[in-house]
Protein backbone atom coordinates (compact mmCIF):
# COMPACT_ATOMS: atom_id res chain seq x y z
CA MET A 1 0.00 0.00 0.00
CA LYS A 2 2.85 2.35 0.92
CA LYS A 3 4.67 1.52 -2.32
CA LYS A 4 1.54 2.27 -4.34
CA LYS A 5 1.08 5.63 -2.59
CA LEU A 6 4.78 6.42 -3.11
CA LEU A 7 4.49 5.61 -6.81
CA ILE A 8 1.42 7.81 -7.17
CA ASP A 9 3.21 10.68 -5.38
CA VAL A 10 6.24 10.31 -7.65
CA LEU A 11 4.06 10.37 -10.77
CA ILE A 12 2.24 13.47 -9.51
CA TYR A 13 5.54 15.26 -8.88
CA ILE A 14 6.84 14.29 -12.32
CA VAL A 15 3.70 15.66 -13.99
CA LEU A 16 3.87 18.86 -11.96
CA ILE A 17 7.57 19.36 -12.77
CA VAL A 18 6.92 18.83 -16.48
CA VAL A 19 4.02 21.32 -16.42
CA LEU A 20 6.20 23.80 -14.51
CA LEU A 21 9.04 23.50 -17.03
CA VAL A 22 6.68 23.92 -19.99
CA THR A 23 5.15 26.98 -18.31
CA LEU A 24 8.51 28.56 -17.47
CA LEU A 25 10.25 27.75 -20.78
CA PRO A 26 9.10 30.94 -22.60
CA LEU A 27 10.21 33.05 -19.62
CA ILE A 28 13.55 31.26 -19.39
CA TYR A 29 14.09 31.71 -23.14
CA THR A 30 13.26 35.41 -22.85
CA VAL A 31 15.65 36.01 -19.95
CA LEU A 32 18.52 34.03 -21.49
CA GLY A 33 17.86 35.55 -24.92
CA SER A 34 18.29 39.03 -23.46
CA PHE A 35 21.97 38.19 -22.93
CA LYS A 36 22.46 37.41 -26.63
CA SER A 37 23.33 39.74 -29.48
CA ASN A 38 20.69 40.30 -32.15
CA MET A 39 22.83 38.42 -34.67
CA GLU A 40 23.08 35.37 -32.42
CA ILE A 41 19.31 35.36 -31.89
CA LEU A 42 18.72 35.43 -35.65
CA VAL A 43 21.38 32.84 -36.50
CA HIS A 44 20.71 30.45 -33.61
CA PRO A 45 17.09 30.98 -32.54
CA ASP A 46 16.88 27.35 -31.36
CA ARG A 47 19.67 27.68 -28.80
CA LEU A 48 18.57 28.28 -25.22
CA LEU A 49 21.91 29.27 -23.69
CA PRO A 50 23.83 32.23 -25.15
CA LEU A 51 27.12 31.37 -26.82
CA GLU A 52 28.69 34.67 -25.82
CA PRO A 53 26.72 36.24 -22.94
CA THR A 54 26.64 40.02 -23.05
CA LEU A 55 24.92 42.93 -21.29
CA ALA A 56 25.00 45.02 -24.45
CA SER A 57 21.23 44.72 -24.98
CA TYR A 58 20.49 46.17 -21.55
CA LYS A 59 22.87 49.05 -22.16
CA GLU A 60 21.37 49.66 -25.59
CA ILE A 61 17.75 49.92 -24.43
CA PHE A 62 18.72 52.98 -22.39
CA THR A 63 20.64 54.64 -25.24
CA SER A 64 18.97 53.34 -28.42
CA GLU A 65 17.36 55.86 -30.78
CA LYS A 66 14.74 53.24 -31.66
CA MET A 67 13.08 53.53 -28.26
CA ASP A 68 13.01 56.03 -25.43
CA PHE A 69 12.99 53.37 -22.74
CA LEU A 70 12.83 55.60 -19.66
CA ARG A 71 10.00 57.71 -21.08
CA MET A 72 7.96 54.64 -22.01
CA LEU A 73 8.69 53.10 -18.62
CA SER A 74 7.43 56.24 -16.87
CA TYR A 75 4.19 56.20 -18.90
CA SER A 76 3.75 52.49 -18.13
CA VAL A 77 4.15 53.13 -14.41
CA TYR A 78 1.76 56.10 -14.54
CA PHE A 79 -0.87 54.25 -16.58
CA THR A 80 -0.64 51.05 -14.53
CA LEU A 81 -0.78 52.71 -11.11
CA ALA A 82 -3.68 54.99 -12.08
CA SER A 83 -5.69 52.23 -13.77
CA THR A 84 -5.01 49.76 -10.96
CA ALA A 85 -6.07 52.24 -8.27
CA ILE A 86 -9.29 52.97 -10.17
CA SER A 87 -10.05 49.31 -10.87
CA VAL A 88 -9.46 48.17 -7.29
CA GLY A 89 -11.24 51.19 -5.80
CA VAL A 90 -14.36 50.88 -7.93
CA GLY A 91 -14.48 47.08 -7.56
CA THR A 92 -14.09 47.25 -3.78
CA ILE A 93 -16.74 49.92 -3.27
CA THR A 94 -19.22 48.29 -5.65
CA GLY A 95 -18.71 44.86 -4.09
CA TYR A 96 -19.36 46.32 -0.63
CA VAL A 97 -22.55 48.04 -1.83
CA PHE A 98 -23.93 44.81 -3.31
CA ALA A 99 -23.02 42.91 -0.12
CA ARG A 100 -24.39 45.29 2.49
CA ALA A 101 -26.72 47.85 0.90
CA ASP A 102 -30.42 47.06 1.06
CA PHE A 103 -32.20 48.76 -1.81
CA PRO A 104 -34.99 47.67 -4.19
CA GLY A 105 -33.78 45.55 -7.09
CA ALA A 106 -30.31 44.91 -5.62
CA LYS A 107 -30.38 41.20 -6.45
CA ILE A 108 -31.68 41.82 -9.96
CA ILE A 109 -29.01 44.43 -10.69
CA PHE A 110 -26.28 42.15 -9.33
CA ALA A 111 -27.62 39.30 -11.48
CA LEU A 112 -27.40 41.57 -14.54
CA PHE A 113 -23.83 42.49 -13.64
CA THR A 114 -22.96 38.82 -13.21
CA ALA A 115 -24.58 37.93 -16.55
CA THR A 116 -22.10 40.20 -18.35
CA MET A 117 -19.37 37.72 -17.38
CA PHE A 118 -20.79 35.36 -20.00
CA ILE A 119 -21.16 37.93 -22.77
CA SER A 120 -18.15 38.59 -24.99
CA VAL A 121 -18.36 41.80 -26.99
CA SER A 122 -14.69 41.63 -27.98
CA GLY A 123 -13.79 44.69 -30.08
CA ILE A 124 -17.38 45.76 -30.78
CA THR A 125 -17.26 48.47 -28.11
CA ILE A 126 -13.97 49.98 -29.28
CA TYR A 127 -15.56 52.28 -31.89
CA PRO A 128 -18.15 53.87 -29.55
CA VAL A 129 -15.49 54.21 -26.83
CA LEU A 130 -13.19 56.04 -29.24
CA ARG A 131 -16.05 58.28 -30.37
CA ILE A 132 -16.90 59.19 -26.79
CA MET A 133 -13.27 59.85 -25.87
CA ASN A 134 -12.79 61.95 -29.01
CA ALA A 135 -15.82 64.00 -28.01
CA VAL A 136 -14.18 64.89 -24.67
CA GLY A 137 -10.74 65.40 -26.22
CA LEU A 138 -9.10 62.22 -24.88
CA GLY A 139 -9.24 60.02 -27.99
CA ASP A 140 -5.54 60.43 -28.75
CA SER A 141 -4.10 60.27 -25.24
CA ILE A 142 -3.12 57.63 -22.71
CA HIS A 143 -5.34 59.54 -20.28
CA GLY A 144 -8.32 58.34 -22.33
CA VAL A 145 -7.51 54.71 -21.50
CA ILE A 146 -7.37 55.59 -17.81
CA VAL A 147 -10.74 57.35 -17.96
CA LYS A 148 -12.19 54.38 -19.83
CA THR A 149 -10.97 52.11 -17.01
CA PHE A 150 -13.05 54.12 -14.54
CA PHE A 151 -16.23 53.26 -16.43
CA GLY A 152 -15.31 49.63 -17.06
CA VAL A 153 -17.39 47.02 -15.25
CA GLY A 154 -15.03 44.67 -13.40
CA VAL A 155 -17.57 41.94 -12.71
CA VAL A 156 -15.02 39.47 -11.33
CA ARG A 157 -13.66 42.08 -8.92
CA ILE A 158 -17.17 42.94 -7.73
CA TYR A 159 -18.05 39.26 -7.31
CA LEU A 160 -14.91 38.50 -5.27
CA VAL A 161 -15.32 41.51 -2.96
CA ARG A 162 -19.01 40.81 -2.45
CA GLY A 163 -18.26 37.21 -1.49
CA PHE A 164 -15.52 38.31 0.91
CA VAL A 165 -17.69 40.96 2.59
CA ASN A 166 -20.55 38.47 2.99
CA GLN A 167 -18.25 36.36 5.17
CA LEU A 168 -17.70 39.22 7.61
CA PRO A 169 -20.21 39.17 10.50
CA LYS A 170 -22.88 41.82 10.21
CA GLU A 171 -22.39 42.50 13.89
CA LEU A 172 -19.41 44.63 12.81
CA ASP A 173 -21.76 46.91 10.88
CA GLU A 174 -24.24 47.04 13.73
CA ALA A 175 -21.54 47.92 16.28
CA ALA A 176 -20.23 50.64 13.98
CA MET A 177 -23.70 52.13 13.55
CA ILE A 178 -24.22 52.13 17.32
CA ASP A 179 -21.01 54.16 17.54
CA GLY A 180 -22.49 56.67 15.10
CA CYS A 181 -21.01 55.49 11.81
CA GLY A 182 -23.04 55.76 8.64
CA PHE A 183 -22.96 53.45 5.63
CA VAL A 184 -19.84 55.08 4.14
CA SER A 185 -17.91 55.52 7.38
CA THR A 186 -18.68 51.90 8.31
CA PHE A 187 -16.98 50.88 5.09
CA THR A 188 -13.91 53.09 5.51
CA ARG A 189 -13.37 52.51 9.23
CA VAL A 190 -14.57 48.94 9.83
CA ILE A 191 -15.00 46.90 6.65
CA LEU A 192 -12.08 48.15 4.53
CA PRO A 193 -9.38 47.29 7.12
CA ASN A 194 -10.68 43.70 7.02
CA LEU A 195 -10.46 43.50 3.23
CA LYS A 196 -6.65 43.39 2.99
CA PRO A 197 -6.51 39.86 1.48
CA ILE A 198 -9.05 40.54 -1.27
CA VAL A 199 -7.69 44.04 -1.97
CA ALA A 200 -4.18 42.58 -2.32
CA THR A 201 -5.56 39.91 -4.68
CA LEU A 202 -7.35 42.50 -6.82
CA THR A 203 -4.23 44.66 -6.86
CA ILE A 204 -2.07 41.84 -8.21
CA LEU A 205 -4.61 40.87 -10.88
CA ALA A 206 -5.30 44.48 -11.94
CA PHE A 207 -1.62 45.46 -11.93
CA LYS A 208 -0.71 42.49 -14.13
CA ALA A 209 -3.56 43.17 -16.57
CA ASN A 210 -2.85 46.90 -16.84
CA TRP A 211 0.93 46.53 -17.05
CA ASN A 212 0.59 44.05 -19.91
CA GLU A 213 -2.22 45.98 -21.65
CA TRP A 214 -1.28 46.59 -25.26
CA TYR A 215 -4.38 46.93 -27.45
CA LEU A 216 -6.05 50.05 -26.05
CA PRO A 217 -2.82 52.00 -25.39
CA THR A 218 -1.81 51.27 -28.98
CA LEU A 219 -5.08 52.68 -30.33
CA PHE A 220 -5.13 55.73 -28.08
CA THR A 221 -1.49 56.67 -28.67
CA ALA A 222 -1.32 55.96 -32.40
CA SER A 223 -0.98 59.68 -33.14
CA ARG A 224 0.92 60.41 -29.91
CA PRO A 225 3.95 58.07 -29.95
CA GLU A 226 5.54 60.09 -27.15
CA GLN A 227 2.87 58.67 -24.82
CA ARG A 228 3.50 55.03 -25.66
CA THR A 229 3.74 52.58 -22.80
CA LEU A 230 6.56 50.08 -22.59
CA MET A 231 4.51 47.22 -24.03
CA VAL A 232 3.47 49.31 -27.02
CA GLY A 233 7.06 50.43 -27.59
CA LEU A 234 8.43 46.90 -27.44
CA GLN A 235 5.85 45.70 -29.94
CA ALA A 236 6.72 48.62 -32.23
CA LEU A 237 10.32 47.38 -32.44
CA LYS A 238 9.09 44.58 -34.70
CA ASN A 239 8.28 47.19 -37.34
CA THR A 240 11.25 49.54 -37.15
CA GLY A 241 11.86 49.42 -40.89
CA ASP A 242 15.26 47.76 -40.49
CA MET A 243 16.29 44.59 -42.26
CA ALA A 244 15.87 42.63 -39.03
CA ALA A 245 13.72 43.28 -36.00
CA SER A 246 15.55 44.26 -32.82
CA TRP A 247 14.86 41.03 -30.99
CA ASN A 248 17.67 41.61 -28.50
CA LEU A 249 16.08 44.89 -27.39
CA MET A 250 12.62 43.32 -27.23
CA LEU A 251 13.87 40.44 -25.06
CA ALA A 252 15.87 42.77 -22.79
CA GLY A 253 12.89 45.12 -22.45
CA ALA A 254 10.52 42.20 -21.82
CA THR A 255 12.85 40.82 -19.13
CA PHE A 256 13.04 44.24 -17.48
CA SER A 257 9.24 44.58 -17.66
CA MET A 258 8.77 41.41 -15.59
CA LEU A 259 10.37 43.01 -12.53
CA PRO A 260 7.47 45.31 -11.48
CA ILE A 261 4.98 42.42 -11.59
CA LEU A 262 7.31 40.21 -9.55
CA ILE A 263 7.79 43.00 -6.99
CA VAL A 264 4.05 43.60 -6.61
CA TYR A 265 3.42 39.86 -6.34
CA GLY A 266 6.18 39.52 -3.72
CA VAL A 267 4.66 42.30 -1.61
CA CYS A 268 1.06 41.04 -1.84
CA ASN A 269 1.74 37.30 -2.09
CA LYS A 270 0.83 36.37 1.50
CA TYR A 271 -2.71 37.69 0.97
CA PHE A 272 -3.17 36.42 -2.59
CA VAL A 273 -4.29 32.81 -2.04
CA GLU A 274 -6.41 33.75 0.97
CA GLY A 275 -8.18 36.46 -1.00
CA ILE A 276 -8.88 34.25 -4.03
CA THR A 277 -10.31 31.36 -2.01
CA ALA A 278 -12.26 33.45 0.51
CA GLY A 279 -13.82 35.73 -2.07
CA ALA A 280 -14.99 32.85 -4.21
CA VAL A 281 -16.44 30.59 -1.51
CA LYS A 282 -19.52 32.50 -0.58
CA GLY A 283 -21.54 34.88 -2.71
């Protein structure tokens, strides 16, 4: 019996290790490729390890005329932080309202919000969004993407927060109201401090999505290349007009762009699993 259990455990570990390696292979290739010259990448694209490791690509991304790395990095940080703050803030407040507010039609409205999770409109809404942003003078600016984020419906965020708040005892609300707190002050003073796990989870998910966002920033900055984010700039290197794309710069930039996500995940990691499981258990 013990041998059978040991064999099963070994097989499980082997499968998990294989899945892990397959998952990490593109990241490993990107990191190792950033230490290659562009010529080596083009001549030996199948090689994982660099023949002659070099830091030239990292030096070049800061000095290359093909990309203003620091400027694009600053716009990426600005766009990501602003969009993440808006996404998490709106999702947290809305989830709390659906969990605690008692108003006519609350369940119906929440059901309608939830139903949008199963409706894919893909790029259908892009044209009206651009028209609206052009009408307010933000159709050709990265600020337009940030404003659009404010009006986006983050159904998953709302659902997770609502489920998490529902697990908090309502006696907390009642005690706060006895102390003179209203609906809003109960949220800010009592409920919000208890939402650290789910807020950390939403922050990681929103930060990752916004940092890697490429489609909308590309559309909104098409006529304003000076406002490109890092992801848009790296993608643009594939069409520089040269004989060969600057793969070494793309790989070095992509490697550098992983660092902010890893830092945010490292800071919020201890709350991440707790927030995901707790927010999804009860709704």
